[in-house]
Amino acid sequence: MTGKGYYKTFTISSKGDSHVIHGGSYSIPVKNVDFVTWKRNLETGEFWVKLHTISGKEIRLRVNFNELNEILKATGNSVVEYKNGDDDDNMDY
């Protein structure tokens, strides 16, 4: 685990239709991930990702651009692809 409680490593394992995201001290079936949020760290270029679970807990990961898209696809967001720098002036926040 590195800085602010974010894990730096993860693996996505699959067996049939079951997928699990796991690391050195955590494991969560993808079906238990309710939603995913992320924020880009402008200083390092990394992304801080939170896997929000159905139980209300969260798993925090520090990932790169490709790993972010890998997580998005694994959690059922196959039609979502984050494009590095998604700067859209027409978006309302």
Protein backbone atom coordinates (compact mmCIF):
# COMPACT_ATOMS: atom_id res chain seq x y z
CA MET A 1 0.00 0.00 0.00
CA THR A 2 1.32 3.43 -0.85
CA GLY A 3 0.25 6.94 0.14
CA LYS A 4 -3.24 7.85 1.33
CA GLY A 5 -4.32 4.21 1.58
CA TYR A 6 -4.15 3.52 -2.17
CA TYR A 7 -2.90 0.13 -3.36
CA LYS A 8 -0.45 0.22 -6.25
CA THR A 9 -0.96 -3.29 -7.57
CA PHE A 10 -3.96 -5.33 -8.64
CA THR A 11 -4.81 -8.32 -10.78
CA ILE A 12 -8.05 -9.17 -12.53
CA SER A 13 -8.69 -12.92 -12.57
CA SER A 14 -11.48 -14.66 -14.43
CA LYS A 15 -13.03 -18.09 -14.32
CA GLY A 16 -15.99 -18.47 -16.62
CA ASP A 17 -18.26 -15.48 -16.07
CA SER A 18 -16.78 -14.70 -12.63
CA HIS A 19 -14.18 -11.93 -12.34
CA VAL A 20 -12.22 -10.93 -9.24
CA ILE A 21 -10.03 -7.89 -8.64
CA HIS A 22 -7.36 -8.68 -6.05
CA GLY A 23 -4.03 -7.62 -4.65
CA GLY A 24 -1.75 -8.46 -1.75
CA SER A 25 -4.33 -7.95 0.98
CA TYR A 26 -7.71 -7.54 -0.70
CA SER A 27 -10.01 -9.40 -3.05
CA ILE A 28 -13.41 -8.42 -4.38
CA PRO A 29 -15.69 -10.13 -6.87
CA VAL A 30 -16.43 -7.66 -9.66
CA LYS A 31 -20.16 -8.33 -9.18
CA ASN A 32 -19.83 -6.66 -5.74
CA VAL A 33 -18.49 -3.39 -7.17
CA ASP A 34 -21.41 -0.96 -7.20
CA PHE A 35 -19.63 1.84 -9.08
CA VAL A 36 -16.16 3.23 -9.85
CA THR A 37 -14.86 6.77 -9.41
CA TRP A 38 -11.47 8.17 -10.38
CA LYS A 39 -9.44 11.34 -10.30
CA ARG A 40 -6.21 12.16 -12.10
CA ASN A 41 -3.26 13.23 -9.97
CA LEU A 42 -1.87 16.13 -11.99
CA GLU A 43 1.53 15.93 -10.28
CA THR A 44 2.23 12.27 -11.09
CA GLY A 45 -0.14 11.56 -14.00
CA GLU A 46 -1.52 8.57 -12.09
CA PHE A 47 -5.19 7.98 -11.47
CA TRP A 48 -6.66 7.49 -8.01
CA VAL A 49 -9.47 4.97 -8.40
CA LYS A 50 -12.10 3.94 -5.87
CA LEU A 51 -14.07 0.74 -6.23
CA HIS A 52 -17.25 1.41 -4.25
CA THR A 53 -18.82 -1.80 -3.00
CA ILE A 54 -22.44 -2.73 -2.44
CA SER A 55 -21.71 -2.93 1.32
CA GLY A 56 -20.56 0.71 1.39
CA LYS A 57 -16.84 -0.05 1.67
CA GLU A 58 -14.29 1.05 -0.90
CA ILE A 59 -11.00 -0.20 -2.30
CA ARG A 60 -8.55 2.48 -3.41
CA LEU A 61 -6.05 1.95 -6.21
CA ARG A 62 -3.36 4.05 -7.87
CA VAL A 63 -3.20 3.13 -11.54
CA ASN A 64 -2.02 4.37 -14.90
CA PHE A 65 -4.18 5.27 -17.90
CA ASN A 66 -4.30 1.74 -19.37
CA GLU A 67 -5.03 0.15 -16.00
CA LEU A 68 -7.93 2.56 -15.47
CA ASN A 69 -9.53 1.41 -18.71
CA GLU A 70 -8.86 -2.23 -17.78
CA ILE A 71 -10.73 -1.72 -14.49
CA LEU A 72 -13.60 0.09 -16.23
CA LYS A 73 -14.03 -2.78 -18.68
CA ALA A 74 -13.82 -5.43 -15.93
CA THR A 75 -16.47 -3.71 -13.82
CA GLY A 76 -19.04 -3.79 -16.60
CA ASN A 77 -18.35 -0.46 -18.23
CA SER A 78 -17.24 -1.94 -21.53
CA VAL A 79 -18.74 0.96 -23.48
CA VAL A 80 -16.84 3.52 -21.38
CA GLU A 81 -13.30 4.34 -22.35
CA TYR A 82 -11.55 7.13 -20.54
CA LYS A 83 -9.53 9.18 -22.98
CA ASN A 84 -6.51 10.68 -21.30
CA GLY A 85 -7.36 14.31 -20.64
CA ASP A 86 -11.14 14.13 -21.22
CA ASP A 87 -11.27 17.92 -21.47
CA ASP A 88 -14.73 18.77 -22.70
CA ASP A 89 -15.62 22.41 -22.29
CA ASN A 90 -19.29 21.59 -22.81
CA MET A 91 -19.57 19.44 -19.67
CA ASP A 92 -21.39 20.81 -16.64
CA TYR A 93 -19.91 19.91 -13.25
